[in-house]
Every structure is written in structure tokens, then in C-alpha cells.
């Protein structure tokens, strides 16, 4: 292990970042597509191809079922090609003649098609549960992370009498158990008094702090509350395998809800959209997590798996959620939506995804390491 750690740290930062990014994205995409693949096999749909990555295949082989497996050299995605996924009217006669009777995707029931499509995101959520569970059973689950390690002199916390070693139990009567919960609550309340229930020397005390306001320029004109405290080191408690898996499921549900809440805050305008990141930011964070150790890297992989599952469930055409929306409409109408309606929906979905990709990439460049590097060049 020490030898591997030494070899890893001896690599330049850019190769380390790219390797960590390829591993993280490769695992997440493989699990997502494997969910589609296994569900397709279960529902009697033949799979023509299973591909991870894009570009010229580095590896390629065909298994005994006739599925071609491909590994591309660009680790930015993947896909499963289902047999007869197209509608008969959309392909020439020679293609239809090569279809395997009873094994095409389009001839399956709405329920079976929905199962195959939904299995990808479900696999990502299951992966997150397994990863969190493995961490909790081996390294331990972090507990007591709402403790204060340091108080900034002259800050709102200092004026309110908060001290290192205090543990925050509740904010305005709302219980908190993690420091990120404290941050989100305080950031949304600049200049507003907050009652803090603290644990100090095994006794509960109450203090009232009024968060300071961070420089608006740093948040594009948004006022953000700052308390002026640093979190204490997390304690880890190992769990038995069954309890660890249950805790992993609970953590996955909690992280899913927090992600949805964060998206809702961005849409409502109460949270900066600069937090929305794309591939470049994921690559940077993957490299940083890999440098910190196996726990941060696996934890990041679990969080990204949740994000990938949620993203694919959004009701946007081209995504799994968009297909599920079409199947729901088909189940209600008793027949598929008209081809023209589906075509317009796919065009709109494509435009939306391209817009989001460009916006997230701009955030990556403008607010990430690349942006800081460019800003440093120009002083």
C-alpha cells in the first residue's frame, strides 16, 4: 500500500487528476449501463452492444450471447444498444429482417420498457448505498461533526460567546447533526439573529448570534451569512454490515433530498447557480479526493452516483426520465405519442442539455482551478 501511495504521489498533478476522473466516471457509467443491461436480459431484450467510453475502441469482443463489448479511449460516458430499439417504420426493410423475433425492445410491453430504462438510475442509487455501507462497515460512519474546532476572532460567533469545543445541537430550535447543515442554515440568514443550542462541558446552553455578511462581490451580489467558526474533526464509528447497509440507504436518501433541495434553491434564486459544475469540476474534485485518500474518493463516488441517478431521472427527453415520461403517456393514452410530438420533444431536450452543459462548463472554467490559473496569468 505504501508503494502504491508513493507511486501515486510521484505522478504530476494533471495525470493524477485525469486518472482519478477516468476511474470515477468509468465506474459510475459502467454501473449505470449494467443496470440497463441486466434489466434488458431479464425482460427478454437482446443487447447488441455495451460500450464504456467513446472514440476508437481500445478493447472489443463479442460474448456468447452476441453482445459486442467495447471500451473507448475517451472515458466520458457509455451506452447500451438494445436490439430493435427503433420503431419498425424508422428503419429500412433489411434492418427489420435481421431483428430477432421476440427479443426486440419496441415490441415489449410498456411496463417492461419502463423497467429497462429505469434500471440505470436505480443501479446508481444501489451503488451509492453499497459504497456508503462499505465505508461505514470498514472505516466507520462520521458522527458528531457539528462541533466547533476554532472561532474566528471578532466574528459573529466570537461576539456571541461561542468557544472551541462547543457542539451545535440546534439552530432556532431545529436539530442539526452535521456542520454542512449549520453552514446552509447560516448562509441563508445574513444579519438575522439565530438562537444556537450548544453542548458545552456536558451541559446545554443557549446563545444568540447574528451572522455577518460576506462580501457580495464574491457571490455575484448575493448576501451570504457567515458565523465565523471552523468545524471539528469527525469521529468515525464502525458498524456491523447490516446496520451499515441500512445507514448507507438512509444516507443515500438524505443526500438525494439535499441535492433536490439545492436544485430547487438555485431555481428559486436563493442559491448561486455557480455551484452547478460539469466534467472539468468533477475531474478537479476527483483528483483532490484521490490525493486525500480512499475514504474521500469513495465518498465522492457515492455522491456522484446519486447525482448521476437523479440527473437521468429528470423528465427531459434524451434522458431516462424523458423516456419514462413518454411511456407514462403511452400507458394513459393506450398508444405512443405521435412521432412529430416526440421529435419536437427530443429537439427541445437536446437544446436544454446542451445549454446546461455549456453553462456548467463555463462555471468550471470561470470559478474552478482553470479560471484561477488564467486569472493568475493576468495578475
Protein backbone atom coordinates (compact mmCIF):
# COMPACT_ATOMS: atom_id res chain seq x y z
CA UNK A 1 0.00 0.00 0.00
CA UNK A 2 2.86 2.38 0.84
CA UNK A 3 4.49 1.62 -2.52
CA UNK A 4 1.26 2.37 -4.40
CA UNK A 5 0.80 5.57 -2.40
CA UNK A 6 4.35 6.61 -3.23
CA UNK A 7 3.88 5.91 -6.93
CA UNK A 8 0.61 7.86 -6.92
CA UNK A 9 2.04 10.96 -5.23
CA UNK A 10 5.09 10.86 -7.53
CA UNK A 11 2.87 11.48 -10.56
CA UNK A 12 2.35 15.10 -11.69
CA UNK A 13 -0.96 16.65 -10.59
CA UNK A 14 -2.58 16.66 -14.06
CA UNK A 15 -2.08 12.90 -14.74
CA UNK A 16 -3.32 12.14 -11.20
CA UNK A 17 -6.44 14.20 -11.81
CA UNK A 18 -7.13 12.55 -15.18
CA UNK A 19 -6.61 9.02 -13.82
CA UNK A 20 -8.89 9.67 -10.83
CA UNK A 21 -11.52 11.21 -13.11
CA UNK A 22 -11.38 8.24 -15.51
CA UNK A 23 -11.75 5.74 -12.65
CA UNK A 24 -14.64 7.58 -11.01
CA UNK A 25 -16.59 8.24 -14.21
CA UNK A 26 -15.80 4.80 -15.61
CA UNK A 27 -17.19 3.02 -12.54
CA UNK A 28 -20.34 5.17 -12.40
CA UNK A 29 -21.12 4.80 -16.11
CA UNK A 30 -20.39 1.06 -16.06
CA UNK A 31 -22.80 0.50 -13.15
CA UNK A 32 -25.47 2.67 -14.80
CA UNK A 33 -25.28 0.83 -18.11
CA UNK A 34 -25.04 -2.53 -16.36
CA UNK A 35 -28.39 -1.74 -14.77
CA UNK A 36 -29.90 -1.29 -18.24
CA UNK A 37 -28.14 -4.44 -19.50
CA UNK A 38 -29.29 -6.73 -16.67
CA UNK A 39 -32.86 -5.43 -16.84
CA UNK A 40 -32.92 -5.95 -20.61
CA UNK A 41 -31.73 -9.54 -20.23
CA UNK A 42 -34.36 -10.08 -17.53
CA UNK A 43 -37.16 -8.76 -19.74
CA UNK A 44 -36.05 -10.81 -22.75
CA UNK A 45 -34.49 -7.99 -24.80
CA UNK A 46 -31.30 -8.79 -26.70
CA UNK A 47 -28.44 -6.31 -26.21
CA UNK A 48 -26.49 -5.56 -29.39
CA UNK A 49 -23.66 -3.57 -27.76
CA UNK A 50 -22.38 -2.49 -24.34
CA UNK A 51 -19.93 0.41 -24.61
CA UNK A 52 -17.96 2.34 -21.98
CA UNK A 53 -16.26 5.47 -23.26
CA UNK A 54 -16.30 6.97 -26.72
CA UNK A 55 -13.90 7.19 -29.62
CA UNK A 56 -11.96 4.36 -31.22
CA UNK A 57 -12.35 1.19 -29.11
CA UNK A 58 -9.28 0.19 -27.11
CA UNK A 59 -10.81 -3.23 -26.40
CA UNK A 60 -13.61 -5.01 -28.26
CA UNK A 61 -15.03 -8.52 -28.03
CA UNK A 62 -18.31 -10.40 -28.56
CA UNK A 63 -19.74 -12.73 -25.91
CA UNK A 64 -21.64 -15.98 -26.45
CA UNK A 65 -24.98 -14.13 -26.40
CA UNK A 66 -23.97 -12.00 -29.39
CA UNK A 67 -23.41 -8.78 -27.41
CA UNK A 68 -20.42 -6.72 -28.50
CA UNK A 69 -18.49 -5.16 -25.59
CA UNK A 70 -16.45 -2.04 -26.27
CA UNK A 71 -14.05 0.10 -24.21
CA UNK A 72 -13.42 3.52 -25.76
CA UNK A 73 -10.41 5.68 -25.01
CA UNK A 74 -12.47 8.76 -24.03
CA UNK A 75 -13.99 7.99 -20.57
CA UNK A 76 -16.87 10.46 -20.75
CA UNK A 77 -19.90 8.19 -20.93
CA UNK A 78 -21.24 4.97 -22.34
CA UNK A 79 -24.33 3.33 -23.73
CA UNK A 80 -26.23 0.07 -24.15
CA UNK A 81 -27.59 -0.61 -27.66
CA UNK A 82 -30.85 -2.50 -27.27
CA UNK A 83 -31.94 -4.81 -30.09
CA UNK A 84 -34.78 -3.33 -32.12
CA UNK A 85 -34.86 -0.14 -30.09
CA UNK A 86 -36.09 1.75 -33.17
CA UNK A 87 -39.66 1.66 -34.35
CA UNK A 88 -40.23 -0.55 -37.45
CA UNK A 89 -41.31 2.46 -39.53
CA UNK A 90 -37.99 4.22 -38.80
CA UNK A 91 -35.66 1.58 -40.26
CA UNK A 92 -35.24 0.04 -43.75
CA UNK A 93 -36.62 -3.45 -44.52
CA UNK A 94 -33.19 -5.12 -44.46
CA UNK A 95 -32.70 -3.98 -40.85
CA UNK A 96 -36.12 -5.26 -39.81
CA UNK A 97 -35.34 -8.58 -41.47
CA UNK A 98 -32.31 -9.04 -39.18
CA UNK A 99 -34.30 -8.50 -35.97
CA UNK A 100 -34.67 -11.46 -33.62
CA UNK A 101 -38.36 -12.25 -33.14
CA UNK A 102 -39.45 -11.77 -29.54
CA UNK A 103 -36.17 -10.11 -28.48
CA UNK A 104 -36.68 -6.55 -29.77
CA UNK A 105 -37.16 -3.66 -27.37
CA UNK A 106 -40.00 -1.95 -29.21
CA UNK A 107 -42.30 -4.99 -29.10
CA UNK A 108 -42.11 -5.35 -25.33
CA UNK A 109 -44.88 -4.02 -23.08
CA UNK A 110 -44.78 -0.50 -21.67
CA UNK A 111 -44.00 -1.93 -18.25
CA UNK A 112 -41.03 -3.95 -19.49
CA UNK A 113 -39.61 -0.99 -21.40
CA UNK A 114 -40.00 1.22 -18.35
CA UNK A 115 -38.18 -1.34 -16.19
CA UNK A 116 -35.25 -1.47 -18.61
CA UNK A 117 -34.98 2.33 -18.76
CA UNK A 118 -35.39 2.91 -15.01
CA UNK A 119 -32.84 0.23 -14.11
CA UNK A 120 -29.89 2.51 -14.95
CA UNK A 121 -30.66 5.23 -12.38
CA UNK A 122 -31.74 2.57 -9.86
CA UNK A 123 -28.33 0.91 -10.25
CA UNK A 124 -26.65 4.23 -9.42
CA UNK A 125 -28.66 4.60 -6.22
CA UNK A 126 -27.87 0.99 -5.25
CA UNK A 127 -24.17 1.66 -5.88
CA UNK A 128 -24.30 4.68 -3.56
CA UNK A 129 -25.92 2.56 -0.84
CA UNK A 130 -23.25 -0.14 -1.21
CA UNK A 131 -20.38 2.38 -1.19
CA UNK A 132 -21.67 4.22 1.88
CA UNK A 133 -22.35 0.88 3.57
CA UNK A 134 -18.84 -0.37 2.82
CA UNK A 135 -17.33 2.81 4.27
CA UNK A 136 -19.46 2.64 7.41
CA UNK A 137 -18.61 -1.05 7.97
CA UNK A 138 -14.85 -0.67 7.45
CA UNK A 139 -13.73 2.86 8.27
CA UNK A 140 -16.82 3.96 10.15
CA UNK A 141 -19.64 6.45 9.92
CA UNK A 142 -18.77 10.07 10.77
CA UNK A 143 -20.61 11.30 13.86
CA UNK A 144 -20.60 14.46 15.92
CA UNK A 145 -19.50 16.67 13.06
CA UNK A 146 -21.36 19.78 14.29
CA UNK A 147 -18.62 20.53 16.82
CA UNK A 148 -16.56 23.74 16.70
CA UNK A 149 -12.78 23.47 16.39
CA UNK A 150 -11.97 27.18 16.15
CA UNK A 151 -13.70 30.56 16.41
CA UNK A 152 -12.55 33.48 14.27
CA UNK A 153 -11.65 36.48 16.40
CA UNK A 154 -14.12 39.36 16.02
CA UNK A 155 -16.63 37.19 14.16
CA UNK A 156 -20.33 36.79 14.88
CA UNK A 157 -19.57 33.57 16.75
CA UNK A 158 -16.94 35.29 18.88
CA UNK A 159 -19.30 38.14 19.78
CA UNK A 160 -21.97 35.60 20.76
CA UNK A 161 -19.62 33.81 23.13
CA UNK A 162 -19.09 30.59 21.16
CA UNK A 163 -15.93 28.68 22.09
CA UNK A 164 -13.80 25.90 20.57
CA UNK A 165 -15.09 22.56 21.78
CA UNK A 166 -18.75 23.62 21.69
CA UNK A 167 -21.08 21.31 19.81
CA UNK A 168 -24.05 22.86 17.98
CA UNK A 169 -27.20 20.89 18.74
CA UNK A 170 -29.92 23.10 17.22
CA UNK A 171 -30.45 26.35 15.29
CA UNK A 172 -33.65 28.24 16.14
CA UNK A 173 -34.97 25.02 17.62
CA UNK A 174 -34.16 22.90 14.53
CA UNK A 175 -31.81 19.99 15.43
CA UNK A 176 -28.59 19.68 13.42
CA UNK A 177 -26.04 16.87 13.42
CA UNK A 178 -23.61 17.88 10.67
CA UNK A 179 -21.61 21.00 10.03
CA UNK A 180 -22.89 21.35 6.45
CA UNK A 181 -26.42 21.74 7.89
CA UNK A 182 -25.13 24.60 10.03
CA UNK A 183 -23.48 26.23 7.00
CA UNK A 184 -26.63 26.09 4.84
CA UNK A 185 -28.82 27.49 7.61
CA UNK A 186 -26.44 30.35 8.43
CA UNK A 187 -25.65 31.28 4.83
CA UNK A 188 -29.33 31.92 4.11
CA UNK A 189 -29.71 34.30 7.11
CA UNK A 190 -27.20 37.17 6.91
CA UNK A 191 -27.92 39.80 9.55
CA UNK A 192 -30.69 37.73 11.16
CA UNK A 193 -30.34 36.67 14.82
CA UNK A 194 -30.08 32.89 15.23
CA UNK A 195 -30.58 31.08 18.53
CA UNK A 196 -27.97 28.33 18.96
CA UNK A 197 -28.38 25.48 21.43
CA UNK A 198 -24.88 24.28 22.34
CA UNK A 199 -23.37 21.44 24.31
CA UNK A 200 -20.50 22.70 26.49
CA UNK A 201 -18.89 20.64 29.26
CA UNK A 202 -21.81 18.16 29.17
CA UNK A 203 -24.32 20.97 29.74
CA UNK A 204 -26.67 22.60 27.25
CA UNK A 205 -26.54 26.39 26.87
CA UNK A 206 -28.24 28.94 24.61
CA UNK A 207 -26.53 31.71 22.66
CA UNK A 208 -27.81 34.16 20.04
CA UNK A 209 -25.56 35.04 17.10
CA UNK A 210 -26.20 37.41 14.20
CA UNK A 211 -24.26 36.19 11.13
CA UNK A 212 -22.03 38.67 9.37
CA UNK A 213 -22.46 39.28 5.65
CA UNK A 214 -19.85 38.00 3.24
CA UNK A 215 -18.57 40.37 0.54
CA UNK A 216 -21.46 40.44 -2.00
CA UNK A 217 -18.98 40.55 -4.90
CA UNK A 218 -17.86 37.04 -4.02
CA UNK A 219 -21.38 35.73 -4.53
CA UNK A 220 -22.47 37.76 -7.54
CA UNK A 221 -24.45 40.23 -5.45
CA UNK A 222 -25.98 37.68 -3.09
CA UNK A 223 -25.74 38.34 0.63
CA UNK A 224 -24.43 35.29 2.45
CA UNK A 225 -24.36 34.83 6.20
CA UNK A 226 -21.09 33.90 7.93
CA UNK A 227 -20.80 32.72 11.52
CA UNK A 228 -17.03 32.57 11.77
CA UNK A 229 -16.38 29.04 13.05
CA UNK A 230 -14.43 26.05 11.83
CA UNK A 231 -15.71 22.51 12.10
CA UNK A 232 -14.07 19.94 14.34
CA UNK A 233 -12.66 16.66 13.11
CA UNK A 234 -15.25 14.00 12.52
CA UNK A 235 -15.34 10.90 14.72
CA UNK A 236 -15.83 7.57 12.99
CA UNK A 237 -17.80 4.69 14.48
CA UNK A 238 -17.68 1.32 12.72
CA UNK A 239 -20.97 -0.50 12.22
CA UNK A 240 -21.95 -4.12 11.61
CA UNK A 241 -22.67 -4.96 7.93
CA UNK A 242 -26.48 -4.95 8.22
CA UNK A 243 -26.57 -1.65 10.13
CA UNK A 244 -24.00 -0.20 7.72
CA UNK A 245 -26.16 -1.04 4.69
CA UNK A 246 -29.22 0.47 6.35
CA UNK A 247 -27.23 3.59 7.25
CA UNK A 248 -26.00 3.68 3.65
CA UNK A 249 -29.61 3.64 2.41
CA UNK A 250 -30.57 6.40 4.84
CA UNK A 251 -27.55 8.49 3.82
CA UNK A 252 -28.37 7.99 0.13
CA UNK A 253 -31.94 9.15 0.72
CA UNK A 254 -30.72 12.14 2.71
CA UNK A 255 -28.18 13.14 0.05
CA UNK A 256 -30.82 12.72 -2.67
CA UNK A 257 -33.18 15.06 -0.86
CA UNK A 258 -30.41 17.61 -0.21
CA UNK A 259 -29.47 17.56 -3.89
CA UNK A 260 -33.08 18.16 -4.95
CA UNK A 261 -33.40 20.92 -2.35
CA UNK A 262 -30.24 22.58 -3.66
CA UNK A 263 -31.56 22.49 -7.23
CA UNK A 264 -34.82 24.00 -6.02
CA UNK A 265 -32.91 26.80 -4.27
CA UNK A 266 -31.00 27.53 -7.49
CA UNK A 267 -34.25 27.71 -9.46
CA UNK A 268 -35.81 29.95 -6.80
CA UNK A 269 -32.74 32.20 -6.82
CA UNK A 270 -31.82 31.74 -3.16
CA UNK A 271 -28.66 29.82 -4.09
CA UNK A 272 -25.98 30.76 -6.59
CA UNK A 273 -26.07 28.82 -9.85
CA UNK A 274 -22.24 29.00 -9.93
CA UNK A 275 -22.30 25.84 -7.78
CA UNK A 276 -23.50 23.89 -10.83
CA UNK A 277 -20.45 22.07 -12.17
CA UNK A 278 -19.56 19.95 -15.16
CA UNK A 279 -16.87 17.48 -16.24
CA UNK A 280 -13.94 19.82 -15.55
CA UNK A 281 -15.00 20.43 -11.95
CA UNK A 282 -15.69 16.73 -11.43
CA UNK A 283 -12.17 15.99 -12.70
CA UNK A 284 -10.65 18.55 -10.33
CA UNK A 285 -12.59 17.26 -7.33
CA UNK A 286 -11.79 13.63 -8.21
CA UNK A 287 -8.07 14.42 -8.23
CA UNK A 288 -8.31 16.25 -4.91
CA UNK A 289 -10.29 13.40 -3.33
CA UNK A 290 -7.81 10.80 -4.58
CA UNK A 291 -4.95 12.81 -3.04
CA UNK A 292 -6.74 12.84 0.33
CA UNK A 293 -7.21 9.06 0.47
CA UNK A 294 -9.57 6.20 -0.24
CA UNK A 295 -12.38 7.40 2.07
CA UNK A 296 -12.85 10.80 0.35
CA UNK A 297 -12.60 9.19 -3.09
CA UNK A 298 -15.24 6.51 -2.38
CA UNK A 299 -17.44 9.08 -0.64
CA UNK A 300 -17.20 11.32 -3.72
CA UNK A 301 -18.01 8.38 -5.97
CA UNK A 302 -21.16 7.66 -3.93
CA UNK A 303 -22.27 11.30 -4.10
CA UNK A 304 -21.66 11.48 -7.85
CA UNK A 305 -23.54 8.21 -8.32
CA UNK A 306 -26.56 9.81 -6.63
CA UNK A 307 -26.23 12.88 -8.85
CA UNK A 308 -25.99 10.72 -11.98
CA UNK A 309 -29.07 8.74 -10.98
CA UNK A 310 -31.06 11.90 -10.28
CA UNK A 311 -29.94 13.62 -13.48
CA UNK A 312 -31.09 10.71 -15.59
CA UNK A 313 -34.49 10.66 -13.87
CA UNK A 314 -35.26 14.28 -14.77
CA UNK A 315 -38.24 14.34 -17.20
CA UNK A 316 -36.15 15.65 -20.09
CA UNK A 317 -36.25 13.89 -23.48
CA UNK A 318 -32.97 12.12 -24.31
CA UNK A 319 -32.62 11.23 -20.61
CA UNK A 320 -34.08 8.13 -18.97
CA UNK A 321 -36.66 10.29 -17.21
CA UNK A 322 -37.87 11.64 -20.54
CA UNK A 323 -38.37 8.13 -21.89
CA UNK A 324 -40.27 7.19 -18.73
CA UNK A 325 -42.48 10.23 -19.26
CA UNK A 326 -43.26 9.06 -22.80
CA UNK A 327 -44.08 5.56 -21.52
CA UNK A 328 -46.40 7.02 -18.88
CA UNK A 329 -48.21 8.98 -21.59
CA UNK A 330 -48.40 5.83 -23.71
CA UNK A 331 -49.87 3.87 -20.80
CA UNK A 332 -52.54 6.55 -20.27
CA UNK A 333 -53.38 7.04 -23.99
CA UNK A 334 -53.16 3.35 -24.90
CA UNK A 335 -50.77 4.18 -27.75
CA UNK A 336 -47.46 6.05 -28.18
CA UNK A 337 -47.30 9.81 -28.63
CA UNK A 338 -47.34 10.98 -32.26
CA UNK A 339 -43.88 10.86 -33.92
CA UNK A 340 -43.91 14.62 -34.54
CA UNK A 341 -44.55 15.34 -30.85
CA UNK A 342 -41.71 13.04 -29.86
CA UNK A 343 -39.39 14.64 -32.41
CA UNK A 344 -40.07 18.16 -31.12
CA UNK A 345 -39.66 16.96 -27.53
CA UNK A 346 -36.29 15.39 -28.32
CA UNK A 347 -35.11 18.55 -30.07
CA UNK A 348 -36.12 20.65 -27.07
CA UNK A 349 -34.47 18.21 -24.68
CA UNK A 350 -31.26 18.24 -26.73
CA UNK A 351 -31.17 22.05 -26.74
CA UNK A 352 -31.75 22.14 -22.97
CA UNK A 353 -28.99 19.63 -22.26
CA UNK A 354 -26.52 21.45 -24.50
CA UNK A 355 -27.36 24.74 -22.73
CA UNK A 356 -26.86 23.20 -19.30
CA UNK A 357 -23.60 21.59 -20.42
CA UNK A 358 -22.22 24.89 -21.74
CA UNK A 359 -23.34 26.75 -18.60
CA UNK A 360 -21.77 24.15 -16.29
CA UNK A 361 -18.57 24.15 -18.34
CA UNK A 362 -18.42 27.93 -18.11
CA UNK A 363 -18.77 27.66 -14.33
CA UNK A 364 -15.95 25.11 -14.32
CA UNK A 365 -13.64 27.42 -16.23
CA UNK A 366 -14.63 30.72 -14.61
CA UNK A 367 -14.84 29.56 -10.98
CA UNK A 368 -12.60 26.49 -10.87
CA UNK A 369 -8.88 25.85 -10.96
CA UNK A 370 -8.61 26.76 -14.65
CA UNK A 371 -10.20 30.14 -14.00
CA UNK A 372 -7.83 30.85 -11.12
CA UNK A 373 -4.87 29.83 -13.29
CA UNK A 374 -5.94 32.17 -16.10
CA UNK A 375 -6.59 34.98 -13.62
CA UNK A 376 -3.09 34.46 -12.21
CA UNK A 377 -1.57 34.89 -15.67
CA UNK A 378 -3.14 38.34 -15.94
CA UNK A 379 -2.49 39.30 -12.34
